[in-house]
């Protein structure tokens, strides 16, 4: 047998000509794709009007932005901030900064004004690309910023109008910083994760080496915010590495998402558990509406389909359930990838039963971010996936279950936190492994099973370790529950033994159906408590929820739809 051909083997034809390092930089990677697939669509948006740019058209604008930045005094190693909604202009600005040899600082567009200010100051950014909502405020009060560029036409200096004289721009090399990503927008001390071109490009290609091939005909959906490492790498950078197309989603509204999926013929859907839960709940609701006999029959067929897919590596589900998938605008999907938080194994299983290749992954901003992915031909529903090539993963101080803190080393691991040497040192073991802060264990095939965050672990009176995320997963398919947070509480200060409670925010739409009187607080509470009692029966005795609090208001969430545990 010959050596296995990797998804990045084609780079050998360009090594020494288009790039000289181990991996190309992001601009070098983009130029290679332009040479391979220049006439293909690159950046597309459907709302309000369909606008699409090819790779050749995009690089002209990107180079014009880079020349303008250079004319404004931006040089290799300078920082340029970028904040705004998902749009082709966001991607153009991101790449324009990198083509200017500079470092891009993507910032969450949903942060409060003072939080955005703090991150711009912390990063020492010289220029800001910004949405129309914040443009006028920064133009009026730029602080230390030398220039403000609008990502939208009709507001100030528009990105597509930028240009500058031809110049010999010093380019970054693969070991230079490409981006600083802030993991927190709080008013505390924000941590800026420093990622090099090598970090991002190696992760982009190595992530393709485990689960499935990424094709130049793929259409990716940029739905989650692009400033987040997950979407930036797994959607934007993955797409431009292969010659695929990125379609930018504007709203996290199920109706708008399904419309985009159908119109754009999306093949790669990357999202967070909350979205996949909602889409699946809608599919199952449609089947249940046809009556108990049809629902029972479809459930039985799904079980058979899932068994055939898993055991015989044949996928009958897409044909068997074509009409169901079509009704939900899911027929063009080739692969669904879930990240950004824990997904219930039951959800993972049902998508595969319906005939969709569903992949769960894991990673951190500090690891560029992907370090685990489930291969579509050998997936394990309870695992977050197999360790990607060239990444060394270990479990630190495992307990009797084999559970301990996950530590990693490899080309995808960050350089450290920006201007925070003490925090950087604390993030690594003495022998150079990054401490993830996540608890889990590895099986004999190098698949990772997460049990929770180290700081969230509950220690019961019997000395048992309980992981809240494992319990929360059990509630993901109950439509009545919009949010749930499981945590420990101390009943008696003297003993310090922790007990388990659940904070639940019910789904308002479920309890206020059209044509029916709205449920009372007592009825809602009774239903939530009945669900908790049902789940408790499935849990081990020491994992059971002892106290339930039904909330009147939703808990604060991050932009990737995870509850901010520290804010509750």
Protein backbone atom coordinates (compact mmCIF):
# COMPACT_ATOMS: atom_id res chain seq x y z
CA UNK A 1 0.00 0.00 0.00
CA UNK A 2 1.23 3.50 -0.82
CA UNK A 3 1.38 6.35 1.62
CA UNK A 4 -2.00 7.93 2.46
CA UNK A 5 -2.65 11.11 0.49
CA UNK A 6 -3.43 13.98 2.85
CA UNK A 7 -5.84 16.84 2.04
CA UNK A 8 -2.83 19.21 2.05
CA UNK A 9 -0.62 17.12 -0.27
CA UNK A 10 -1.41 19.48 -3.19
CA UNK A 11 0.63 22.19 -1.42
CA UNK A 12 3.81 20.36 -2.45
CA UNK A 13 3.31 21.64 -6.01
CA UNK A 14 3.41 25.24 -4.70
CA UNK A 15 6.19 24.84 -2.11
CA UNK A 16 9.25 26.85 -3.13
CA UNK A 17 7.21 28.85 -5.66
CA UNK A 18 4.21 30.33 -3.85
CA UNK A 19 5.58 29.84 -0.31
CA UNK A 20 8.76 28.69 1.37
CA UNK A 21 7.73 27.67 4.90
CA UNK A 22 6.29 24.47 6.32
CA UNK A 23 2.83 25.95 5.77
CA UNK A 24 1.80 28.97 3.66
CA UNK A 25 0.72 32.15 5.41
CA UNK A 26 -2.96 33.11 5.07
CA UNK A 27 -2.25 35.53 2.16
CA UNK A 28 -0.09 32.87 0.44
CA UNK A 29 -2.86 30.31 0.93
CA UNK A 30 -5.40 32.72 -0.56
CA UNK A 31 -3.21 33.42 -3.61
CA UNK A 32 -2.84 29.66 -4.20
CA UNK A 33 -6.62 29.28 -4.16
CA UNK A 34 -7.02 32.21 -6.56
CA UNK A 35 -4.61 30.42 -8.92
CA UNK A 36 -6.59 27.18 -8.63
CA UNK A 37 -10.19 28.42 -8.55
CA UNK A 38 -10.10 32.13 -9.44
CA UNK A 39 -13.41 32.20 -11.33
CA UNK A 40 -15.42 30.41 -8.64
CA UNK A 41 -17.72 32.27 -6.24
CA UNK A 42 -15.96 33.15 -3.01
CA UNK A 43 -18.06 35.54 -0.86
CA UNK A 44 -21.87 35.66 -1.22
CA UNK A 45 -24.75 37.25 0.66
CA UNK A 46 -28.48 36.86 -0.06
CA UNK A 47 -29.97 39.62 2.09
CA UNK A 48 -31.24 42.17 1.17
CA UNK A 49 -30.00 41.45 -2.39
CA UNK A 50 -27.83 38.62 -3.66
CA UNK A 51 -24.26 39.85 -4.08
CA UNK A 52 -21.43 37.47 -4.98
CA UNK A 53 -17.70 37.98 -5.53
CA UNK A 54 -15.39 35.49 -7.23
CA UNK A 55 -11.89 34.77 -5.92
CA UNK A 56 -10.37 36.97 -8.65
CA UNK A 57 -12.76 39.83 -7.89
CA UNK A 58 -12.18 39.50 -4.14
CA UNK A 59 -8.38 39.59 -4.30
CA UNK A 60 -8.46 42.86 -6.29
CA UNK A 61 -10.44 44.53 -3.48
CA UNK A 62 -8.29 42.88 -0.79
CA UNK A 63 -5.08 44.16 -2.38
CA UNK A 64 -6.58 47.65 -2.70
CA UNK A 65 -7.39 47.60 1.05
CA UNK A 66 -3.82 46.43 1.80
CA UNK A 67 -2.35 49.28 -0.31
CA UNK A 68 -4.57 51.82 1.48
CA UNK A 69 -3.49 50.50 4.90
CA UNK A 70 0.16 50.71 3.84
CA UNK A 71 -0.36 54.31 2.63
CA UNK A 72 -1.82 55.09 6.07
CA UNK A 73 1.40 53.92 7.71
CA UNK A 74 0.39 50.38 8.66
CA UNK A 75 3.44 48.10 8.67
CA UNK A 76 4.24 44.49 9.49
CA UNK A 77 3.30 43.76 13.12
CA UNK A 78 0.86 46.68 13.52
CA UNK A 79 -2.62 45.87 14.82
CA UNK A 80 -5.87 46.68 13.04
CA UNK A 81 -9.23 46.10 14.77
CA UNK A 82 -12.34 44.77 13.03
CA UNK A 83 -15.88 44.64 14.42
CA UNK A 84 -19.13 44.10 12.57
CA UNK A 85 -21.88 41.75 11.48
CA UNK A 86 -21.17 38.86 9.13
CA UNK A 87 -20.81 40.14 5.57
CA UNK A 88 -18.41 39.92 2.59
CA UNK A 89 -16.96 43.28 3.73
CA UNK A 90 -15.92 41.68 7.05
CA UNK A 91 -13.95 38.98 5.20
CA UNK A 92 -12.41 41.53 2.81
CA UNK A 93 -11.26 43.68 5.76
CA UNK A 94 -9.86 40.62 7.60
CA UNK A 95 -7.80 39.52 4.60
CA UNK A 96 -6.85 43.08 3.64
CA UNK A 97 -5.19 43.55 7.04
CA UNK A 98 -3.22 40.31 6.61
CA UNK A 99 -2.16 41.20 3.04
CA UNK A 100 -0.80 44.47 4.51
CA UNK A 101 1.48 42.36 6.74
CA UNK A 102 -0.44 43.48 9.82
CA UNK A 103 -2.18 41.64 12.68
CA UNK A 104 -6.00 41.54 12.70
CA UNK A 105 -7.94 41.98 15.96
CA UNK A 106 -11.52 40.72 15.43
CA UNK A 107 -13.95 42.03 18.09
CA UNK A 108 -17.44 40.81 18.99
CA UNK A 109 -19.95 43.22 17.40
CA UNK A 110 -22.40 42.60 20.24
CA UNK A 111 -20.16 43.96 22.98
CA UNK A 112 -21.07 47.12 24.84
CA UNK A 113 -19.33 50.31 23.71
CA UNK A 114 -16.98 50.50 26.71
CA UNK A 115 -16.00 46.83 26.25
CA UNK A 116 -15.13 47.43 22.58
CA UNK A 117 -13.11 50.52 23.58
CA UNK A 118 -11.19 48.47 26.14
CA UNK A 119 -10.25 45.78 23.60
CA UNK A 120 -9.13 48.35 21.00
CA UNK A 121 -6.94 50.04 23.64
CA UNK A 122 -5.60 46.74 25.01
CA UNK A 123 -4.59 45.57 21.52
CA UNK A 124 -3.05 48.98 20.67
CA UNK A 125 -4.97 48.98 17.37
CA UNK A 126 -4.15 51.84 14.98
CA UNK A 127 -7.11 51.57 12.57
CA UNK A 128 -10.68 50.30 13.01
CA UNK A 129 -13.04 48.67 10.49
CA UNK A 130 -16.54 49.06 11.92
CA UNK A 131 -20.29 48.57 11.30
CA UNK A 132 -22.57 51.52 10.54
CA UNK A 133 -24.11 51.41 14.05
CA UNK A 134 -20.81 52.31 15.73
CA UNK A 135 -19.19 54.24 12.88
CA UNK A 136 -20.35 57.76 13.77
CA UNK A 137 -19.42 57.37 17.42
CA UNK A 138 -15.82 56.41 16.57
CA UNK A 139 -15.52 59.08 13.89
CA UNK A 140 -16.57 61.70 16.46
CA UNK A 141 -14.31 60.30 19.18
CA UNK A 142 -11.52 58.18 17.64
CA UNK A 143 -9.23 58.18 20.68
CA UNK A 144 -5.84 56.82 19.61
CA UNK A 145 -7.20 55.41 16.33
CA UNK A 146 -5.65 56.93 13.21
CA UNK A 147 -8.54 56.10 10.85
CA UNK A 148 -12.06 54.64 10.86
CA UNK A 149 -13.36 52.60 7.92
CA UNK A 150 -17.02 51.70 7.42
CA UNK A 151 -18.04 48.17 6.45
CA UNK A 152 -21.21 49.62 4.90
CA UNK A 153 -21.84 51.96 1.99
CA UNK A 154 -23.27 55.36 2.79
CA UNK A 155 -21.42 55.77 6.08
CA UNK A 156 -18.08 57.59 5.97
CA UNK A 157 -15.05 55.99 4.32
CA UNK A 158 -16.39 52.79 2.71
CA UNK A 159 -14.09 49.76 2.52
CA UNK A 160 -14.76 49.09 -1.21
CA UNK A 161 -13.63 52.63 -2.08
CA UNK A 162 -10.18 52.23 -0.51
CA UNK A 163 -6.98 52.16 -2.55
CA UNK A 164 -3.39 53.33 -2.41
CA UNK A 165 -0.28 53.52 -4.57
CA UNK A 166 1.63 50.39 -5.48
CA UNK A 167 4.12 49.59 -2.74
CA UNK A 168 6.59 46.91 -1.73
CA UNK A 169 4.65 45.71 1.34
CA UNK A 170 6.65 43.61 3.77
CA UNK A 171 4.71 40.38 4.26
CA UNK A 172 4.41 38.29 7.39
CA UNK A 173 6.09 34.89 7.54
CA UNK A 174 4.34 31.80 8.89
CA UNK A 175 5.69 32.20 12.43
CA UNK A 176 4.46 35.80 12.68
CA UNK A 177 1.22 36.69 14.44
CA UNK A 178 -1.86 36.75 12.22
CA UNK A 179 -4.57 37.49 14.77
CA UNK A 180 -5.24 38.39 18.39
CA UNK A 181 -8.56 36.96 19.56
CA UNK A 182 -10.04 38.13 22.83
CA UNK A 183 -11.68 35.35 24.80
CA UNK A 184 -13.53 37.73 27.09
CA UNK A 185 -15.29 41.02 26.63
CA UNK A 186 -15.78 41.61 30.34
CA UNK A 187 -14.57 44.73 32.07
CA UNK A 188 -11.92 42.69 33.85
CA UNK A 189 -8.56 42.15 32.19
CA UNK A 190 -9.30 40.74 28.73
CA UNK A 191 -7.08 37.91 27.48
CA UNK A 192 -5.86 38.27 23.90
CA UNK A 193 -5.01 34.87 22.39
CA UNK A 194 -2.05 35.26 20.00
CA UNK A 195 -2.33 33.04 16.91
CA UNK A 196 0.25 32.88 14.12
CA UNK A 197 -0.30 32.20 10.44
CA UNK A 198 1.08 28.71 11.08
CA UNK A 199 -1.40 28.13 13.92
CA UNK A 200 -4.41 28.99 11.74
CA UNK A 201 -3.26 27.47 8.44
CA UNK A 202 -2.02 24.21 9.99
CA UNK A 203 -5.30 23.83 11.91
CA UNK A 204 -7.29 24.50 8.76
CA UNK A 205 -5.58 21.69 6.83
CA UNK A 206 -5.04 19.22 9.71
CA UNK A 207 -8.74 19.44 10.59
CA UNK A 208 -9.47 18.15 7.07
CA UNK A 209 -7.28 15.13 7.76
CA UNK A 210 -9.68 13.38 10.13
CA UNK A 211 -13.38 13.54 9.38
CA UNK A 212 -14.24 14.06 5.70
CA UNK A 213 -12.92 15.73 2.54
CA UNK A 214 -13.69 19.43 2.07
CA UNK A 215 -14.38 20.11 -1.61
CA UNK A 216 -13.98 23.18 -3.81
CA UNK A 217 -17.68 22.75 -4.67
CA UNK A 218 -18.75 23.09 -1.03
CA UNK A 219 -20.91 26.01 0.07
CA UNK A 220 -20.28 26.99 3.71
CA UNK A 221 -22.74 28.99 5.80
CA UNK A 222 -21.22 31.73 7.98
CA UNK A 223 -24.04 32.03 10.49
CA UNK A 224 -22.26 32.32 13.83
CA UNK A 225 -20.27 35.54 14.41
CA UNK A 226 -17.03 35.59 12.40
CA UNK A 227 -14.95 37.14 15.19
CA UNK A 228 -15.25 33.82 17.04
CA UNK A 229 -12.40 31.37 16.44
CA UNK A 230 -14.82 28.56 15.51
CA UNK A 231 -16.47 30.39 12.58
CA UNK A 232 -13.31 32.22 11.55
CA UNK A 233 -11.36 28.98 11.12
CA UNK A 234 -13.95 26.32 10.40
CA UNK A 235 -15.97 28.45 7.95
CA UNK A 236 -13.97 31.38 6.53
CA UNK A 237 -10.43 29.95 6.49
CA UNK A 238 -11.51 26.37 5.63
CA UNK A 239 -13.49 27.70 2.65
CA UNK A 240 -10.72 29.84 1.21
CA UNK A 241 -8.24 26.98 1.61
CA UNK A 242 -10.25 24.79 -0.75
CA UNK A 243 -11.86 27.18 -3.24
CA UNK A 244 -15.36 26.82 -1.80
CA UNK A 245 -17.98 29.53 -1.31
CA UNK A 246 -18.93 31.33 1.90
CA UNK A 247 -22.54 32.46 2.24
CA UNK A 248 -22.96 35.02 5.02
CA UNK A 249 -26.00 34.64 7.27
CA UNK A 250 -27.33 37.81 8.86
CA UNK A 251 -29.75 36.57 11.51
CA UNK A 252 -29.90 33.70 14.00
CA UNK A 253 -33.61 33.25 13.25
CA UNK A 254 -34.70 29.76 12.25
CA UNK A 255 -37.00 30.95 9.42
CA UNK A 256 -34.26 33.11 7.85
CA UNK A 257 -31.71 30.30 8.25
CA UNK A 258 -33.91 27.73 6.49
CA UNK A 259 -34.52 30.21 3.65
CA UNK A 260 -30.75 30.71 3.20
CA UNK A 261 -30.09 26.95 3.32
CA UNK A 262 -32.53 26.38 0.48
CA UNK A 263 -31.68 29.38 -1.73
CA UNK A 264 -27.90 29.08 -1.40
CA UNK A 265 -27.86 25.26 -1.60
CA UNK A 266 -25.65 25.10 1.50
CA UNK A 267 -23.58 21.91 1.76
CA UNK A 268 -21.66 22.62 5.01
CA UNK A 269 -23.59 23.82 8.05
CA UNK A 270 -21.53 24.70 11.11
CA UNK A 271 -23.51 25.72 14.16
CA UNK A 272 -23.87 25.44 17.93
CA UNK A 273 -25.97 22.88 19.84
CA UNK A 274 -28.85 25.31 20.43
CA UNK A 275 -29.47 25.77 16.71
CA UNK A 276 -29.22 22.07 15.87
CA UNK A 277 -31.59 21.31 18.77
CA UNK A 278 -34.16 23.80 17.43
CA UNK A 279 -33.97 22.51 13.85
CA UNK A 280 -34.29 18.87 15.02
CA UNK A 281 -37.19 19.74 17.35
CA UNK A 282 -38.98 21.32 14.36
CA UNK A 283 -38.39 18.22 12.21
CA UNK A 284 -39.68 15.87 14.93
CA UNK A 285 -42.68 18.15 15.59
CA UNK A 286 -43.62 17.92 11.90
CA UNK A 287 -43.48 14.10 12.04
CA UNK A 288 -45.50 13.95 15.28
CA UNK A 289 -48.19 16.15 13.70
CA UNK A 290 -48.95 13.30 11.26
CA UNK A 291 -50.17 11.14 14.15
CA UNK A 292 -48.78 8.45 16.46
CA UNK A 293 -48.77 5.66 13.83
CA UNK A 294 -46.69 7.67 11.33
CA UNK A 295 -44.39 8.90 14.12
CA UNK A 296 -43.89 5.33 15.37
CA UNK A 297 -43.16 4.06 11.85
CA UNK A 298 -40.69 6.89 11.08
CA UNK A 299 -38.95 6.35 14.45
CA UNK A 300 -38.56 2.64 13.65
CA UNK A 301 -37.17 3.42 10.17
CA UNK A 302 -34.76 5.98 11.66
CA UNK A 303 -33.45 3.28 14.00
CA UNK A 304 -32.90 0.91 11.05
CA UNK A 305 -31.27 3.67 8.97
CA UNK A 306 -28.90 4.59 11.82
CA UNK A 307 -27.92 0.94 12.35
CA UNK A 308 -27.13 0.43 8.62
CA UNK A 309 -25.13 3.70 8.50
CA UNK A 310 -23.07 2.87 11.56
CA UNK A 311 -22.45 -0.84 10.97
CA UNK A 312 -22.30 -1.13 7.15
CA UNK A 313 -21.02 2.41 6.34
CA UNK A 314 -23.90 2.87 3.90
CA UNK A 315 -26.23 5.86 4.22
CA UNK A 316 -29.84 5.01 3.25
CA UNK A 317 -31.35 7.83 5.35
CA UNK A 318 -31.03 10.62 2.81
CA UNK A 319 -33.27 8.75 0.34
CA UNK A 320 -35.59 7.26 2.96
CA UNK A 321 -36.30 10.63 4.57
CA UNK A 322 -35.91 12.91 1.53
CA UNK A 323 -39.37 14.47 1.91
CA UNK A 324 -38.79 15.16 5.63
CA UNK A 325 -35.37 16.74 4.96
CA UNK A 326 -36.78 18.72 2.02
CA UNK A 327 -39.55 20.18 4.18
CA UNK A 328 -36.86 21.38 6.59
CA UNK A 329 -34.59 22.76 3.77
CA UNK A 330 -31.87 20.24 4.67
CA UNK A 331 -31.58 18.20 1.44
CA UNK A 332 -28.48 19.95 0.04
CA UNK A 333 -26.48 19.53 3.26
CA UNK A 334 -23.47 17.27 2.90
CA UNK A 335 -22.06 17.69 6.40
CA UNK A 336 -23.28 19.30 9.63
CA UNK A 337 -20.63 20.24 12.18
CA UNK A 338 -21.48 21.05 15.78
CA UNK A 339 -19.08 22.93 18.05
CA UNK A 340 -18.98 25.70 20.61
CA UNK A 341 -20.51 23.62 23.40
CA UNK A 342 -21.65 20.13 24.46
CA UNK A 343 -24.23 18.35 22.30
CA UNK A 344 -26.49 15.59 23.61
CA UNK A 345 -25.54 12.19 22.09
CA UNK A 346 -29.26 11.62 21.33
CA UNK A 347 -29.27 14.68 19.02
CA UNK A 348 -26.07 13.55 17.27
CA UNK A 349 -27.64 10.11 16.78
CA UNK A 350 -30.94 11.39 15.33
CA UNK A 351 -29.27 13.56 12.67
CA UNK A 352 -27.22 10.58 11.50
CA UNK A 353 -30.36 8.40 11.48
CA UNK A 354 -32.02 10.96 9.19
CA UNK A 355 -29.17 10.46 6.72
CA UNK A 356 -27.08 13.56 7.41
CA UNK A 357 -23.34 13.22 8.00
CA UNK A 358 -23.20 14.91 11.37
CA UNK A 359 -19.85 15.73 12.96
CA UNK A 360 -19.14 16.88 16.48
CA UNK A 361 -15.87 18.62 17.27
CA UNK A 362 -13.97 20.23 20.10
CA UNK A 363 -11.42 22.95 20.53
CA UNK A 364 -10.50 26.23 22.21
CA UNK A 365 -9.62 29.69 20.96
CA UNK A 366 -6.14 28.87 22.32
CA UNK A 367 -5.88 25.92 19.89
CA UNK A 368 -6.88 27.83 16.73
CA UNK A 369 -9.50 26.23 17.66
CA UNK A 370 -10.06 22.67 16.30
CA UNK A 371 -8.28 19.74 17.98
CA UNK A 372 -10.91 16.96 17.79
CA UNK A 373 -13.39 15.89 15.09
CA UNK A 374 -15.55 12.80 14.61
CA UNK A 375 -14.86 11.01 11.28
CA UNK A 376 -18.12 10.54 9.35
CA UNK A 377 -17.23 6.90 8.60
CA UNK A 378 -16.36 6.00 12.21
CA UNK A 379 -18.21 8.37 14.53
CA UNK A 380 -18.91 7.83 18.20
CA UNK A 381 -22.02 9.62 19.47
CA UNK A 382 -20.77 10.13 23.02
CA UNK A 383 -17.37 11.46 21.92
CA UNK A 384 -16.35 14.94 20.71
CA UNK A 385 -14.09 13.22 18.20
CA UNK A 386 -10.69 11.88 17.36
CA UNK A 387 -7.55 13.94 17.97
CA UNK A 388 -6.53 15.60 14.66
CA UNK A 389 -3.14 14.74 13.07
CA UNK A 390 0.05 16.27 14.54
CA UNK A 391 -1.69 17.14 17.84
CA UNK A 392 -0.50 15.37 21.00
CA UNK A 393 -3.24 15.10 23.64
CA UNK A 394 -2.89 13.73 27.17
CA UNK A 395 -4.95 13.46 30.36
CA UNK A 396 -3.36 15.06 33.40
CA UNK A 397 -3.68 13.23 36.76
CA UNK A 398 -6.54 10.88 35.74
CA UNK A 399 -8.94 9.60 38.42
CA UNK A 400 -10.38 6.07 38.67
CA UNK A 401 -12.62 6.75 35.62
CA UNK A 402 -9.58 7.94 33.64
CA UNK A 403 -10.91 11.50 33.88
CA UNK A 404 -8.48 14.37 34.27
CA UNK A 405 -7.60 17.72 32.73
CA UNK A 406 -7.02 17.60 28.97
CA UNK A 407 -3.61 18.98 27.90
CA UNK A 408 -2.38 19.46 24.31
CA UNK A 409 0.73 20.25 22.28
CA UNK A 410 1.12 20.82 18.54
CA UNK A 411 1.33 23.37 15.70
CA UNK A 412 -2.19 24.67 16.45
CA UNK A 413 -1.42 25.81 20.01
CA UNK A 414 -1.30 29.58 20.63
CA UNK A 415 1.85 31.61 21.30
CA UNK A 416 0.38 32.93 24.55
CA UNK A 417 -1.77 35.79 25.83
CA UNK A 418 -0.96 39.26 24.49
CA UNK A 419 1.33 41.13 26.92
CA UNK A 420 0.37 38.75 29.77
CA UNK A 421 3.50 36.69 30.56
CA UNK A 422 2.27 35.42 33.94
CA UNK A 423 -1.09 34.21 32.57
CA UNK A 424 0.73 32.65 29.62
CA UNK A 425 3.11 30.75 31.90
CA UNK A 426 0.18 29.54 34.05
CA UNK A 427 -1.60 28.18 30.93
CA UNK A 428 1.16 25.65 30.17
CA UNK A 429 2.63 22.65 31.98
CA UNK A 430 6.40 22.70 32.68
CA UNK A 431 6.94 20.47 29.61
CA UNK A 432 5.02 22.80 27.28
CA UNK A 433 1.50 21.34 27.09
CA UNK A 434 -1.44 23.77 27.03
CA UNK A 435 -3.85 23.20 29.93
CA UNK A 436 -7.36 23.35 28.47
CA UNK A 437 -9.29 23.61 31.74
CA UNK A 438 -11.60 20.87 30.41
CA UNK A 439 -12.03 17.48 32.02
CA UNK A 440 -12.37 14.25 30.08
CA UNK A 441 -10.77 10.96 29.05
CA UNK A 442 -9.37 9.32 25.89
CA UNK A 443 -10.22 5.84 24.58
CA UNK A 444 -7.83 3.42 22.92
CA UNK A 445 -8.54 4.94 19.47
CA UNK A 446 -7.65 8.46 20.64
CA UNK A 447 -11.26 9.69 20.79
CA UNK A 448 -11.98 12.29 23.46
CA UNK A 449 -14.91 12.16 25.87
CA UNK A 450 -15.56 15.39 27.75
CA UNK A 451 -17.13 15.42 31.17
CA UNK A 452 -17.10 19.18 31.87
CA UNK A 453 -15.10 22.23 32.82
CA UNK A 454 -12.74 21.80 35.78
CA UNK A 455 -14.08 24.96 37.44
CA UNK A 456 -17.73 23.80 37.12
CA UNK A 457 -17.22 20.38 38.75
CA UNK A 458 -19.44 19.62 41.77
CA UNK A 459 -18.10 17.48 44.64
CA UNK A 460 -20.93 15.76 46.53
CA UNK A 461 -21.03 14.73 50.17
CA UNK A 462 -20.11 11.19 49.17
CA UNK A 463 -16.95 12.52 47.52
CA UNK A 464 -18.28 11.90 44.01
CA UNK A 465 -17.33 14.23 41.14
CA UNK A 466 -20.38 15.46 39.22
CA UNK A 467 -20.05 17.28 35.89
CA UNK A 468 -22.96 19.71 35.28
CA UNK A 469 -22.61 19.56 31.48
CA UNK A 470 -23.33 15.79 31.49
CA UNK A 471 -26.61 16.44 33.32
CA UNK A 472 -27.56 19.46 31.16
CA UNK A 473 -27.15 17.30 28.04
CA UNK A 474 -30.06 15.12 29.19
CA UNK A 475 -32.47 18.04 28.74
CA UNK A 476 -31.57 19.07 25.18
CA UNK A 477 -34.58 17.49 23.45
CA UNK A 478 -37.27 18.87 25.77
CA UNK A 479 -38.91 21.72 23.84
CA UNK A 480 -40.40 23.07 27.06
CA UNK A 481 -36.92 24.08 28.27
CA UNK A 482 -35.19 27.01 26.57
CA UNK A 483 -32.19 27.17 28.97
CA UNK A 484 -30.90 25.03 31.80
CA UNK A 485 -27.91 25.53 34.07
CA UNK A 486 -26.90 22.87 36.60
CA UNK A 487 -24.65 23.89 39.47
CA UNK A 488 -23.66 23.01 43.02
CA UNK A 489 -25.00 24.69 46.15
CA UNK A 490 -24.02 24.34 49.80
CA UNK A 491 -26.85 23.52 52.21
CA UNK A 492 -24.82 23.87 55.40
CA UNK A 493 -21.75 26.12 55.50
CA UNK A 494 -20.11 23.91 58.13
CA UNK A 495 -20.07 20.76 55.96
CA UNK A 496 -19.18 22.40 52.60
CA UNK A 497 -20.77 19.36 50.90
CA UNK A 498 -22.26 20.35 47.56
CA UNK A 499 -25.78 19.50 46.46
CA UNK A 500 -27.16 19.85 42.93
CA UNK A 501 -29.63 22.42 41.65
CA UNK A 502 -30.99 23.35 38.23
CA UNK A 503 -31.90 26.83 37.03
CA UNK A 504 -34.47 26.54 34.24
CA UNK A 505 -35.87 29.16 31.88
CA UNK A 506 -38.95 27.71 30.14
CA UNK A 507 -39.56 28.22 26.42
CA UNK A 508 -42.10 31.08 26.29
CA UNK A 509 -43.55 30.03 22.90
CA UNK A 510 -44.22 26.49 24.12
CA UNK A 511 -46.39 27.63 27.02
CA UNK A 512 -48.25 30.29 25.01
CA UNK A 513 -49.43 28.36 21.95
CA UNK A 514 -51.72 30.09 19.46
CA UNK A 515 -55.41 29.57 20.12
CA UNK A 516 -54.80 28.24 23.66
CA UNK A 517 -54.86 30.11 26.97
CA UNK A 518 -51.35 30.81 28.28
CA UNK A 519 -50.16 28.43 30.97
CA UNK A 520 -50.00 29.75 34.54
CA UNK A 521 -46.75 29.99 36.50
CA UNK A 522 -47.91 27.01 38.60
CA UNK A 523 -48.61 24.89 35.48
CA UNK A 524 -45.23 25.77 33.97
CA UNK A 525 -43.42 24.96 37.22
CA UNK A 526 -45.27 21.66 37.52
CA UNK A 527 -44.29 20.64 33.98
CA UNK A 528 -40.63 21.61 34.49
CA UNK A 529 -40.49 19.67 37.76
CA UNK A 530 -42.04 16.64 36.02
CA UNK A 531 -39.30 16.78 33.35
CA UNK A 532 -36.59 17.03 36.03
CA UNK A 533 -38.11 14.03 37.84
CA UNK A 534 -38.14 12.07 34.55
CA UNK A 535 -34.47 12.88 33.85
CA UNK A 536 -33.49 12.11 37.47
CA UNK A 537 -34.69 8.55 36.92
CA UNK A 538 -32.06 8.14 34.17
CA UNK A 539 -29.22 9.61 36.24
CA UNK A 540 -27.03 7.91 38.81
CA UNK A 541 -28.21 8.59 42.38
CA UNK A 542 -25.36 11.02 43.15
CA UNK A 543 -26.04 13.00 39.92
CA UNK A 544 -29.71 13.70 40.64
CA UNK A 545 -31.04 17.26 40.82
CA UNK A 546 -32.28 18.08 44.32
CA UNK A 547 -33.59 21.59 43.78
CA UNK A 548 -35.16 23.29 40.75
CA UNK A 549 -35.59 27.04 40.24
CA UNK A 550 -37.87 28.17 37.40
CA UNK A 551 -36.73 31.58 36.14
CA UNK A 552 -38.89 34.44 34.82
CA UNK A 553 -36.11 35.84 32.64
CA UNK A 554 -33.57 34.25 30.30
CA UNK A 555 -29.98 33.88 31.50
CA UNK A 556 -27.31 35.98 29.77
CA UNK A 557 -25.58 34.18 26.89
CA UNK A 558 -22.39 34.51 24.86
CA UNK A 559 -22.51 35.09 21.09
CA UNK A 560 -22.09 31.33 20.58
CA UNK A 561 -25.22 30.77 22.69
CA UNK A 562 -23.58 29.41 25.84
CA UNK A 563 -24.93 30.57 29.19
CA UNK A 564 -22.56 32.92 31.00
CA UNK A 565 -22.28 30.82 34.16
CA UNK A 566 -20.37 33.51 36.04
CA UNK A 567 -23.17 36.03 35.43
CA UNK A 568 -25.91 33.86 37.03
